[in-house]
Amino acid sequence: MIYDVIIIGGGPAGLSAALYFGRGLKKTLIIDEEKPRNIVTHETHSYLTQDGVSPQTFRQRAKEDTLKYEGTTLFNDKVTEVKKHDDGFIVQTPAERFQSKQVLVASGLIEQLPAIKNIESYYGQSVFYCPWCDGWEMRNKKLAIINPDERVMHMVTLLSNWTDKLEVFTDGHDSLTEENKKVLEDKNISYHLEKIAEMSGENGQLQAVRMTNGETVDVEGAFTYVYWNTKYEFLNNLDVERDENGRFVVGQFGETSVKGLYVAGEAKDNFGSQLIAAAANGGEVARFMMMMEIQQEFNKKSIKTK
């Protein structure tokens, strides 16, 4: 069988795209490894009708919506290789080999936490990266802002909406300008330039940040920087254009430099987004991909006359 599209990734972007393809009468295969990045997240927020729903429940409901359309299939496996074949692609997993006209990469982000001892014990429970996602839950608490670059002041400004008890940590980097320091001092916000040694607390709730100089600061939660990339090994055989920061070079609707290969959601933006944004982008890219195929098929067809 030759699929109209193979979607790599069964998160919000991939499943949203699959829903559009299914309703568009396209033979669609979703390949998902069942290792979502938001596995540490307990609740989904800011998505109409889904606020407070766990990501696991959301994914299950999304699968049910998607798979009710004939021609849409879900295969749980890891994609190991994607390569060009004639006018389409071959997608390989350890168990199977599939062929499709187009491929949509919706695999999300490869995420790496900062090298701070014990951070994984609190990440997703009292340590987060997105104020829009979790600021409400952390409102009025004493929060650590951990960021080693110039974006630290943006985070300070943003989080001041939810609390006026902030502690800034640059994790050993000299990212605060003299002007930044004056702003923080004028607002009575303490800043710490030492590298962070470890986090401590109980039952997933952060209680203190200790630095390498021995100083310990009591906090009730934190918003931290996170490293993300889209260096998927399965794309190694495709010469996909990337920019100087390693991001995919794409058009408005996720089209890459390889004809027929698209990216959607967090993979497209190389940035951790809210679930509703990833789902919306998956649908947008899917519509464009279908339009390209529909136009191509229309041009091939003979017009029937009476």
C-alpha atoms as a PDB file:
ATOM      1  CA  MET A   1       0.000   0.000   0.000  1.00  0.00           C
ATOM      2  CA  ILE A   2       1.134   3.516  -0.763  1.00  0.00           C
ATOM      3  CA  TYR A   3      -0.206   5.995   1.783  1.00  0.00           C
ATOM      4  CA  ASP A   4      -1.134   9.523   0.885  1.00  0.00           C
ATOM      5  CA  VAL A   5       0.758  10.659   3.970  1.00  0.00           C
ATOM      6  CA  ILE A   6       2.727   9.203   6.835  1.00  0.00           C
ATOM      7  CA  ILE A   7       2.708  11.265  10.029  1.00  0.00           C
ATOM      8  CA  ILE A   8       5.646  10.746  12.362  1.00  0.00           C
ATOM      9  CA  GLY A   9       4.452  11.578  15.877  1.00  0.00           C
ATOM     10  CA  GLY A  10       1.137  11.071  17.669  1.00  0.00           C
ATOM     11  CA  GLY A  11       1.027  14.232  19.746  1.00  0.00           C
ATOM     12  CA  PRO A  12      -1.408  17.139  19.344  1.00  0.00           C
ATOM     13  CA  ALA A  13       0.098  18.345  16.051  1.00  0.00           C
ATOM     14  CA  GLY A  14       0.245  14.884  14.495  1.00  0.00           C
ATOM     15  CA  LEU A  15      -3.202  13.768  15.623  1.00  0.00           C
ATOM     16  CA  SER A  16      -4.795  17.064  14.605  1.00  0.00           C
ATOM     17  CA  ALA A  17      -3.231  16.700  11.157  1.00  0.00           C
ATOM     18  CA  ALA A  18      -4.442  13.093  10.957  1.00  0.00           C
ATOM     19  CA  LEU A  19      -7.993  14.205  11.741  1.00  0.00           C
ATOM     20  CA  TYR A  20      -7.932  16.581   8.781  1.00  0.00           C
ATOM     21  CA  PHE A  21      -6.425  13.938   6.488  1.00  0.00           C
ATOM     22  CA  GLY A  22      -9.023  11.389   7.551  1.00  0.00           C
ATOM     23  CA  ARG A  23     -11.868  13.772   6.839  1.00  0.00           C
ATOM     24  CA  GLY A  24     -10.166  14.597   3.547  1.00  0.00           C
ATOM     25  CA  LEU A  25     -10.417  10.946   2.442  1.00  0.00           C
ATOM     26  CA  LYS A  26      -6.646  10.465   2.501  1.00  0.00           C
ATOM     27  CA  LYS A  27      -4.986   7.145   3.339  1.00  0.00           C
ATOM     28  CA  THR A  28      -3.063   8.111   6.445  1.00  0.00           C
ATOM     29  CA  LEU A  29      -0.604   6.283   8.687  1.00  0.00           C
ATOM     30  CA  ILE A  30       0.424   7.693  12.062  1.00  0.00           C
ATOM     31  CA  ILE A  31       3.633   6.225  13.487  1.00  0.00           C
ATOM     32  CA  ASP A  32       4.079   7.019  17.160  1.00  0.00           C
ATOM     33  CA  GLU A  33       6.656   5.798  19.661  1.00  0.00           C
ATOM     34  CA  GLU A  34       4.401   6.539  22.663  1.00  0.00           C
ATOM     35  CA  LYS A  35       7.053   8.675  24.392  1.00  0.00           C
ATOM     36  CA  PRO A  36       5.441  12.132  24.638  1.00  0.00           C
ATOM     37  CA  ARG A  37       7.569  15.028  25.882  1.00  0.00           C
ATOM     38  CA  ASN A  38       4.759  16.131  28.226  1.00  0.00           C
ATOM     39  CA  ILE A  39       4.675  12.795  30.028  1.00  0.00           C
ATOM     40  CA  VAL A  40       5.687  14.629  33.236  1.00  0.00           C
ATOM     41  CA  THR A  41       2.757  17.040  32.899  1.00  0.00           C
ATOM     42  CA  HIS A  42      -0.305  16.359  35.047  1.00  0.00           C
ATOM     43  CA  GLU A  43      -2.829  18.713  33.455  1.00  0.00           C
ATOM     44  CA  THR A  44      -3.463  20.472  30.159  1.00  0.00           C
ATOM     45  CA  HIS A  45      -4.369  24.158  30.354  1.00  0.00           C
ATOM     46  CA  SER A  46      -5.685  26.992  28.163  1.00  0.00           C
ATOM     47  CA  TYR A  47      -7.380  24.648  25.663  1.00  0.00           C
ATOM     48  CA  LEU A  48     -11.116  25.294  25.383  1.00  0.00           C
ATOM     49  CA  THR A  49     -13.194  22.302  26.599  1.00  0.00           C
ATOM     50  CA  GLN A  50      -9.984  20.547  27.740  1.00  0.00           C
ATOM     51  CA  ASP A  51      -8.735  22.751  30.582  1.00  0.00           C
ATOM     52  CA  GLY A  52      -7.453  20.554  33.410  1.00  0.00           C
ATOM     53  CA  VAL A  53      -7.543  17.337  31.389  1.00  0.00           C
ATOM     54  CA  SER A  54      -4.414  15.182  31.657  1.00  0.00           C
ATOM     55  CA  PRO A  55      -2.286  14.945  28.487  1.00  0.00           C
ATOM     56  CA  GLN A  56      -2.800  11.171  28.529  1.00  0.00           C
ATOM     57  CA  THR A  57      -6.585  11.570  28.494  1.00  0.00           C
ATOM     58  CA  PHE A  58      -6.337  14.201  25.782  1.00  0.00           C
ATOM     59  CA  ARG A  59      -4.219  11.907  23.592  1.00  0.00           C
ATOM     60  CA  GLN A  60      -6.650   9.013  24.055  1.00  0.00           C
ATOM     61  CA  ARG A  61      -9.636  11.151  23.091  1.00  0.00           C
ATOM     62  CA  ALA A  62      -7.726  12.573  20.126  1.00  0.00           C
ATOM     63  CA  LYS A  63      -6.892   9.069  18.910  1.00  0.00           C
ATOM     64  CA  GLU A  64     -10.539   8.060  19.138  1.00  0.00           C
ATOM     65  CA  ASP A  65     -11.560  11.125  17.111  1.00  0.00           C
ATOM     66  CA  THR A  66      -8.912  10.443  14.494  1.00  0.00           C
ATOM     67  CA  LEU A  67      -9.172   6.683  14.072  1.00  0.00           C
ATOM     68  CA  LYS A  68     -12.931   6.644  13.525  1.00  0.00           C
ATOM     69  CA  TYR A  69     -12.271   7.795   9.951  1.00  0.00           C
ATOM     70  CA  GLU A  70     -11.763   5.011   7.449  1.00  0.00           C
ATOM     71  CA  GLY A  71      -8.301   4.977   5.956  1.00  0.00           C
ATOM     72  CA  THR A  72      -6.517   6.268   9.062  1.00  0.00           C
ATOM     73  CA  THR A  73      -4.211   3.845  10.888  1.00  0.00           C
ATOM     74  CA  LEU A  74      -2.024   4.133  13.986  1.00  0.00           C
ATOM     75  CA  PHE A  75       1.155   2.068  14.266  1.00  0.00           C
ATOM     76  CA  ASN A  76       3.125   2.112  17.533  1.00  0.00           C
ATOM     77  CA  ASP A  77       6.806   1.950  16.684  1.00  0.00           C
ATOM     78  CA  LYS A  78       9.938   4.064  16.323  1.00  0.00           C
ATOM     79  CA  VAL A  79      10.860   5.522  12.943  1.00  0.00           C
ATOM     80  CA  THR A  80      14.504   4.727  12.190  1.00  0.00           C
ATOM     81  CA  GLU A  81      14.862   6.093   8.653  1.00  0.00           C
ATOM     82  CA  VAL A  82      13.107   8.201   6.048  1.00  0.00           C
ATOM     83  CA  LYS A  83      14.417   8.225   2.503  1.00  0.00           C
ATOM     84  CA  LYS A  84      13.251   9.413  -0.887  1.00  0.00           C
ATOM     85  CA  HIS A  85      11.763   6.834  -3.236  1.00  0.00           C
ATOM     86  CA  ASP A  86      10.547   7.773  -6.724  1.00  0.00           C
ATOM     87  CA  ASP A  87       8.149  10.690  -6.148  1.00  0.00           C
ATOM     88  CA  GLY A  88       7.556   9.797  -2.510  1.00  0.00           C
ATOM     89  CA  PHE A  89       9.182   8.291   0.561  1.00  0.00           C
ATOM     90  CA  ILE A  90      10.085   5.062   2.282  1.00  0.00           C
ATOM     91  CA  VAL A  91       9.638   5.161   6.066  1.00  0.00           C
ATOM     92  CA  GLN A  92      11.388   2.438   8.026  1.00  0.00           C
ATOM     93  CA  THR A  93      10.784   1.177  11.569  1.00  0.00           C
ATOM     94  CA  PRO A  94      12.387  -1.836  13.287  1.00  0.00           C
ATOM     95  CA  ALA A  95       9.302  -3.884  12.447  1.00  0.00           C
ATOM     96  CA  GLU A  96       7.938  -2.575   9.144  1.00  0.00           C
ATOM     97  CA  ARG A  97       8.632  -0.627   5.970  1.00  0.00           C
ATOM     98  CA  PHE A  98       6.046   1.806   4.620  1.00  0.00           C
ATOM     99  CA  GLN A  99       5.682   3.901   1.490  1.00  0.00           C
ATOM    100  CA  SER A 100       3.925   7.246   1.125  1.00  0.00           C
ATOM    101  CA  LYS A 101       3.527  10.209  -1.185  1.00  0.00           C
ATOM    102  CA  GLN A 102       4.201  12.748   1.575  1.00  0.00           C
ATOM    103  CA  VAL A 103       5.666  12.737   5.095  1.00  0.00           C
ATOM    104  CA  LEU A 104       4.722  15.020   7.967  1.00  0.00           C
ATOM    105  CA  VAL A 105       7.175  15.222  10.863  1.00  0.00           C
ATOM    106  CA  ALA A 106       5.257  16.090  14.041  1.00  0.00           C
ATOM    107  CA  SER A 107       7.627  14.497  16.520  1.00  0.00           C
ATOM    108  CA  GLY A 108       7.796  17.418  18.905  1.00  0.00           C
ATOM    109  CA  LEU A 109      11.103  18.379  20.486  1.00  0.00           C
ATOM    110  CA  ILE A 110      14.053  16.503  21.895  1.00  0.00           C
ATOM    111  CA  GLU A 111      14.286  18.039  25.363  1.00  0.00           C
ATOM    112  CA  GLN A 112      17.267  18.330  27.691  1.00  0.00           C
ATOM    113  CA  LEU A 113      17.030  19.845  31.156  1.00  0.00           C
ATOM    114  CA  PRO A 114      19.838  21.995  32.583  1.00  0.00           C
ATOM    115  CA  ALA A 115      22.619  20.120  34.395  1.00  0.00           C
ATOM    116  CA  ILE A 116      21.231  20.918  37.837  1.00  0.00           C
ATOM    117  CA  LYS A 117      21.217  18.108  40.395  1.00  0.00           C
ATOM    118  CA  ASN A 118      17.720  16.765  41.209  1.00  0.00           C
ATOM    119  CA  ILE A 119      15.888  19.046  38.729  1.00  0.00           C
ATOM    120  CA  GLU A 120      14.137  16.045  37.170  1.00  0.00           C
ATOM    121  CA  SER A 121      12.508  15.303  40.559  1.00  0.00           C
ATOM    122  CA  TYR A 122      10.565  18.568  40.369  1.00  0.00           C
ATOM    123  CA  TYR A 123      10.152  19.185  36.639  1.00  0.00           C
ATOM    124  CA  GLY A 124       6.479  19.143  35.695  1.00  0.00           C
ATOM    125  CA  GLN A 125       5.344  19.392  39.331  1.00  0.00           C
ATOM    126  CA  SER A 126       6.837  22.587  40.736  1.00  0.00           C
ATOM    127  CA  VAL A 127       9.486  23.448  38.126  1.00  0.00           C
ATOM    128  CA  PHE A 128       8.261  24.548  34.693  1.00  0.00           C
ATOM    129  CA  TYR A 129       9.370  26.489  31.629  1.00  0.00           C
ATOM    130  CA  CYS A 130       6.118  28.120  30.393  1.00  0.00           C
ATOM    131  CA  PRO A 131       4.339  30.816  32.463  1.00  0.00           C
ATOM    132  CA  TRP A 132       1.374  30.753  30.090  1.00  0.00           C
ATOM    133  CA  CYS A 133       0.941  27.050  30.823  1.00  0.00           C
ATOM    134  CA  ASP A 134       1.602  26.965  34.568  1.00  0.00           C
ATOM    135  CA  GLY A 135       1.737  30.527  35.877  1.00  0.00           C
ATOM    136  CA  TRP A 136      -1.765  30.328  37.343  1.00  0.00           C
ATOM    137  CA  GLU A 137      -0.887  27.239  39.399  1.00  0.00           C
ATOM    138  CA  MET A 138       2.226  28.989  40.756  1.00  0.00           C
ATOM    139  CA  ARG A 139       0.532  32.323  41.468  1.00  0.00           C
ATOM    140  CA  ASN A 140       1.564  34.252  44.584  1.00  0.00           C
ATOM    141  CA  LYS A 141       4.405  31.830  45.320  1.00  0.00           C
ATOM    142  CA  LYS A 142       8.063  32.637  45.769  1.00  0.00           C
ATOM    143  CA  LEU A 143       9.575  31.591  42.461  1.00  0.00           C
ATOM    144  CA  ALA A 144      13.077  31.086  41.142  1.00  0.00           C
ATOM    145  CA  ILE A 145      13.697  32.276  37.601  1.00  0.00           C
ATOM    146  CA  ILE A 146      16.590  30.276  36.162  1.00  0.00           C
ATOM    147  CA  ASN A 147      17.947  31.554  32.860  1.00  0.00           C
ATOM    148  CA  PRO A 148      21.524  32.004  31.641  1.00  0.00           C
ATOM    149  CA  ASP A 149      20.952  34.449  28.775  1.00  0.00           C
ATOM    150  CA  GLU A 150      19.359  37.777  27.892  1.00  0.00           C
ATOM    151  CA  ARG A 151      15.854  36.297  27.965  1.00  0.00           C
ATOM    152  CA  VAL A 152      15.985  36.284  31.753  1.00  0.00           C
ATOM    153  CA  MET A 153      14.548  39.804  31.935  1.00  0.00           C
ATOM    154  CA  HIS A 154      11.681  38.851  29.668  1.00  0.00           C
ATOM    155  CA  MET A 155      10.834  36.030  32.073  1.00  0.00           C
ATOM    156  CA  VAL A 156      11.059  38.393  35.050  1.00  0.00           C
ATOM    157  CA  THR A 157       8.622  40.791  33.382  1.00  0.00           C
ATOM    158  CA  LEU A 158       6.257  37.983  32.422  1.00  0.00           C
ATOM    159  CA  LEU A 159       6.184  36.222  35.779  1.00  0.00           C
ATOM    160  CA  SER A 160       5.612  39.484  37.626  1.00  0.00           C
ATOM    161  CA  ASN A 161       2.018  39.089  36.408  1.00  0.00           C
ATOM    162  CA  TRP A 162       1.542  36.063  38.693  1.00  0.00           C
ATOM    163  CA  THR A 163       3.718  36.882  41.706  1.00  0.00           C
ATOM    164  CA  ASP A 164       5.804  39.669  43.199  1.00  0.00           C
ATOM    165  CA  LYS A 165       8.125  37.210  44.978  1.00  0.00           C
ATOM    166  CA  LEU A 166      10.895  36.496  42.498  1.00  0.00           C
ATOM    167  CA  GLU A 167      14.509  35.319  42.775  1.00  0.00           C
ATOM    168  CA  VAL A 168      16.698  35.467  39.663  1.00  0.00           C
ATOM    169  CA  PHE A 169      19.441  32.879  38.983  1.00  0.00           C
ATOM    170  CA  THR A 170      21.792  33.105  35.988  1.00  0.00           C
ATOM    171  CA  ASP A 171      23.312  29.658  36.730  1.00  0.00           C
ATOM    172  CA  GLY A 172      26.871  30.934  36.544  1.00  0.00           C
ATOM    173  CA  HIS A 173      26.491  33.010  33.386  1.00  0.00           C
ATOM    174  CA  ASP A 174      27.183  36.745  33.139  1.00  0.00           C
ATOM    175  CA  SER A 175      23.896  37.504  31.358  1.00  0.00           C
ATOM    176  CA  LEU A 176      22.709  40.471  33.404  1.00  0.00           C
ATOM    177  CA  THR A 177      23.805  43.888  32.201  1.00  0.00           C
ATOM    178  CA  GLU A 178      24.376  46.723  34.648  1.00  0.00           C
ATOM    179  CA  GLU A 179      21.073  48.161  33.479  1.00  0.00           C
ATOM    180  CA  ASN A 180      19.342  44.828  34.175  1.00  0.00           C
ATOM    181  CA  LYS A 181      20.824  44.717  37.662  1.00  0.00           C
ATOM    182  CA  LYS A 182      19.634  48.233  38.421  1.00  0.00           C
ATOM    183  CA  VAL A 183      16.104  47.377  37.286  1.00  0.00           C
ATOM    184  CA  LEU A 184      16.075  44.314  39.556  1.00  0.00           C
ATOM    185  CA  GLU A 185      17.498  46.238  42.488  1.00  0.00           C
ATOM    186  CA  ASP A 186      14.965  49.044  42.056  1.00  0.00           C
ATOM    187  CA  LYS A 187      12.186  46.429  42.198  1.00  0.00           C
ATOM    188  CA  ASN A 188      13.726  44.604  45.192  1.00  0.00           C
ATOM    189  CA  ILE A 189      14.296  41.432  43.163  1.00  0.00           C
ATOM    190  CA  SER A 190      17.373  39.518  44.301  1.00  0.00           C
ATOM    191  CA  TYR A 191      19.704  38.051  41.692  1.00  0.00           C
ATOM    192  CA  HIS A 192      22.304  35.313  42.038  1.00  0.00           C
ATOM    193  CA  LEU A 193      25.216  34.944  39.624  1.00  0.00           C
ATOM    194  CA  GLU A 194      26.719  31.742  41.031  1.00  0.00           C
ATOM    195  CA  LYS A 195      26.233  28.391  39.327  1.00  0.00           C
ATOM    196  CA  ILE A 196      23.436  26.277  40.788  1.00  0.00           C
ATOM    197  CA  ALA A 197      24.621  23.115  42.531  1.00  0.00           C
ATOM    198  CA  GLU A 198      21.314  21.417  43.324  1.00  0.00           C
ATOM    199  CA  MET A 199      17.609  21.662  44.059  1.00  0.00           C
ATOM    200  CA  SER A 200      15.948  20.232  47.143  1.00  0.00           C
ATOM    201  CA  GLY A 201      12.410  19.604  48.350  1.00  0.00           C
ATOM    202  CA  GLU A 202       9.881  16.861  49.032  1.00  0.00           C
ATOM    203  CA  ASN A 203       7.284  14.948  47.002  1.00  0.00           C
ATOM    204  CA  GLY A 204       7.965  16.864  43.815  1.00  0.00           C
ATOM    205  CA  GLN A 205       7.659  20.251  45.496  1.00  0.00           C
ATOM    206  CA  LEU A 206      10.756  22.424  45.217  1.00  0.00           C
ATOM    207  CA  GLN A 207      11.767  24.105  48.467  1.00  0.00           C
ATOM    208  CA  ALA A 208      15.288  25.428  47.963  1.00  0.00           C
ATOM    209  CA  VAL A 209      17.999  26.188  45.419  1.00  0.00           C
ATOM    210  CA  ARG A 210      21.610  25.768  46.530  1.00  0.00           C
ATOM    211  CA  MET A 211      24.518  27.365  44.677  1.00  0.00           C
ATOM    212  CA  THR A 212      28.121  26.249  44.378  1.00  0.00           C
ATOM    213  CA  ASN A 213      29.254  28.914  46.860  1.00  0.00           C
ATOM    214  CA  GLY A 214      27.085  27.238  49.511  1.00  0.00           C
ATOM    215  CA  GLU A 215      24.331  29.873  49.567  1.00  0.00           C
ATOM    216  CA  THR A 216      20.828  28.415  49.743  1.00  0.00           C
ATOM    217  CA  VAL A 217      17.688  30.307  48.737  1.00  0.00           C
ATOM    218  CA  ASP A 218      14.260  29.124  49.874  1.00  0.00           C
ATOM    219  CA  VAL A 219      11.660  29.076  47.081  1.00  0.00           C
ATOM    220  CA  GLU A 220       8.302  27.450  46.363  1.00  0.00           C
ATOM    221  CA  GLY A 221       8.818  26.684  42.698  1.00  0.00           C
ATOM    222  CA  ALA A 222      10.798  27.674  39.630  1.00  0.00           C
ATOM    223  CA  PHE A 223      10.658  28.493  35.944  1.00  0.00           C
ATOM    224  CA  THR A 224      13.754  27.302  34.155  1.00  0.00           C
ATOM    225  CA  TYR A 225      15.384  27.339  30.754  1.00  0.00           C
ATOM    226  CA  VAL A 226      15.362  24.104  28.756  1.00  0.00           C
ATOM    227  CA  TYR A 227      17.443  22.945  25.781  1.00  0.00           C
ATOM    228  CA  TRP A 228      15.473  21.791  22.730  1.00  0.00           C
ATOM    229  CA  ASN A 229      16.461  20.470  19.319  1.00  0.00           C
ATOM    230  CA  THR A 230      15.027  18.590  16.339  1.00  0.00           C
ATOM    231  CA  LYS A 231      18.065  16.490  15.449  1.00  0.00           C
ATOM    232  CA  TYR A 232      16.051  13.420  14.520  1.00  0.00           C
ATOM    233  CA  GLU A 233      18.332  10.587  13.431  1.00  0.00           C
ATOM    234  CA  PHE A 234      15.683   9.250  11.062  1.00  0.00           C
ATOM    235  CA  LEU A 235      16.188  12.301   8.810  1.00  0.00           C
ATOM    236  CA  ASN A 236      19.948  11.804   8.440  1.00  0.00           C
ATOM    237  CA  ASN A 237      19.620  10.485   4.875  1.00  0.00           C
ATOM    238  CA  LEU A 238      17.657  13.526   3.716  1.00  0.00           C
ATOM    239  CA  ASP A 239      19.407  16.783   2.916  1.00  0.00           C
ATOM    240  CA  VAL A 240      16.953  18.967   4.824  1.00  0.00           C
ATOM    241  CA  GLU A 241      17.965  22.622   4.963  1.00  0.00           C
ATOM    242  CA  ARG A 242      18.435  24.120   8.426  1.00  0.00           C
ATOM    243  CA  ASP A 243      19.430  27.576   9.627  1.00  0.00           C
ATOM    244  CA  GLU A 244      22.519  28.507  11.657  1.00  0.00           C
ATOM    245  CA  ASN A 245      20.692  27.532  14.872  1.00  0.00           C
ATOM    246  CA  GLY A 246      19.755  24.083  13.622  1.00  0.00           C
ATOM    247  CA  ARG A 247      16.097  24.911  12.998  1.00  0.00           C
ATOM    248  CA  PHE A 248      14.305  23.631   9.931  1.00  0.00           C
ATOM    249  CA  VAL A 249      14.087  26.189   7.139  1.00  0.00           C
ATOM    250  CA  VAL A 250      10.391  26.030   6.259  1.00  0.00           C
ATOM    251  CA  GLY A 251       7.726  27.920   4.385  1.00  0.00           C
ATOM    252  CA  GLN A 252       4.606  29.336   5.972  1.00  0.00           C
ATOM    253  CA  PHE A 253       2.872  25.955   5.945  1.00  0.00           C
ATOM    254  CA  GLY A 254       5.719  23.754   7.127  1.00  0.00           C
ATOM    255  CA  GLU A 255       7.162  22.823   3.731  1.00  0.00           C
ATOM    256  CA  THR A 256      10.863  21.936   3.972  1.00  0.00           C
ATOM    257  CA  SER A 257      13.564  22.047   1.303  1.00  0.00           C
ATOM    258  CA  VAL A 258      12.782  18.388   0.487  1.00  0.00           C
ATOM    259  CA  LYS A 259       9.719  18.178  -1.740  1.00  0.00           C
ATOM    260  CA  GLY A 260       6.884  16.352   0.012  1.00  0.00           C
ATOM    261  CA  LEU A 261       8.464  16.572   3.476  1.00  0.00           C
ATOM    262  CA  TYR A 262       6.716  18.838   5.987  1.00  0.00           C
ATOM    263  CA  VAL A 263       7.049  19.664   9.681  1.00  0.00           C
ATOM    264  CA  ALA A 264       4.357  20.834  12.096  1.00  0.00           C
ATOM    265  CA  GLY A 265       3.874  21.885  15.698  1.00  0.00           C
ATOM    266  CA  GLU A 266       6.871  22.232  17.997  1.00  0.00           C
ATOM    267  CA  ALA A 267       9.114  20.558  15.417  1.00  0.00           C
ATOM    268  CA  LYS A 268       8.321  23.409  13.022  1.00  0.00           C
ATOM    269  CA  ASP A 269       8.947  26.202  15.526  1.00  0.00           C
ATOM    270  CA  ASN A 270      11.750  24.515  17.532  1.00  0.00           C
ATOM    271  CA  PHE A 271      10.100  25.919  20.640  1.00  0.00           C
ATOM    272  CA  GLY A 272       7.928  24.436  23.371  1.00  0.00           C
ATOM    273  CA  SER A 273       4.378  25.562  22.679  1.00  0.00           C
ATOM    274  CA  GLN A 274       1.008  25.131  24.313  1.00  0.00           C
ATOM    275  CA  LEU A 275      -0.988  22.115  23.284  1.00  0.00           C
ATOM    276  CA  ILE A 276      -3.688  24.170  21.583  1.00  0.00           C
ATOM    277  CA  ALA A 277      -1.092  25.954  19.420  1.00  0.00           C
ATOM    278  CA  ALA A 278       0.541  22.689  18.320  1.00  0.00           C
ATOM    279  CA  ALA A 279      -2.830  21.174  17.442  1.00  0.00           C
ATOM    280  CA  ALA A 280      -3.849  24.242  15.451  1.00  0.00           C
ATOM    281  CA  ASN A 281      -0.588  24.229  13.518  1.00  0.00           C
ATOM    282  CA  GLY A 282      -0.934  20.524  12.723  1.00  0.00           C
ATOM    283  CA  GLY A 283      -4.323  21.187  11.151  1.00  0.00           C
ATOM    284  CA  GLU A 284      -3.026  24.170   9.200  1.00  0.00           C
ATOM    285  CA  VAL A 285      -0.115  22.223   7.725  1.00  0.00           C
ATOM    286  CA  ALA A 286      -2.362  19.249   6.903  1.00  0.00           C
ATOM    287  CA  ARG A 287      -4.761  21.455   4.937  1.00  0.00           C
ATOM    288  CA  PHE A 288      -1.900  22.852   2.881  1.00  0.00           C
ATOM    289  CA  MET A 289      -0.481  19.373   2.212  1.00  0.00           C
ATOM    290  CA  MET A 290      -3.895  18.153   1.055  1.00  0.00           C
ATOM    291  CA  MET A 291      -4.344  21.198  -1.151  1.00  0.00           C
ATOM    292  CA  MET A 292      -1.068  20.404  -2.908  1.00  0.00           C
ATOM    293  CA  GLU A 293      -2.138  16.811  -3.514  1.00  0.00           C
ATOM    294  CA  ILE A 294      -5.695  17.730  -4.529  1.00  0.00           C
ATOM    295  CA  GLN A 295      -4.378  20.296  -7.010  1.00  0.00           C
ATOM    296  CA  GLN A 296      -1.977  17.759  -8.473  1.00  0.00           C
ATOM    297  CA  GLU A 297      -4.714  15.138  -8.867  1.00  0.00           C
ATOM    298  CA  PHE A 298      -7.115  17.683 -10.339  1.00  0.00           C
ATOM    299  CA  ASN A 299      -4.581  18.637 -12.981  1.00  0.00           C
ATOM    300  CA  LYS A 300      -4.246  14.976 -14.002  1.00  0.00           C
ATOM    301  CA  LYS A 301      -7.974  14.305 -14.286  1.00  0.00           C
ATOM    302  CA  SER A 302      -9.948  14.555 -17.483  1.00  0.00           C
ATOM    303  CA  ILE A 303     -13.059  16.663 -17.208  1.00  0.00           C
ATOM    304  CA  LYS A 304     -16.148  14.539 -17.812  1.00  0.00           C
ATOM    305  CA  THR A 305     -18.760  15.963 -20.117  1.00  0.00           C
ATOM    306  CA  LYS A 306     -22.266  14.783 -20.914  1.00  0.00           C
END
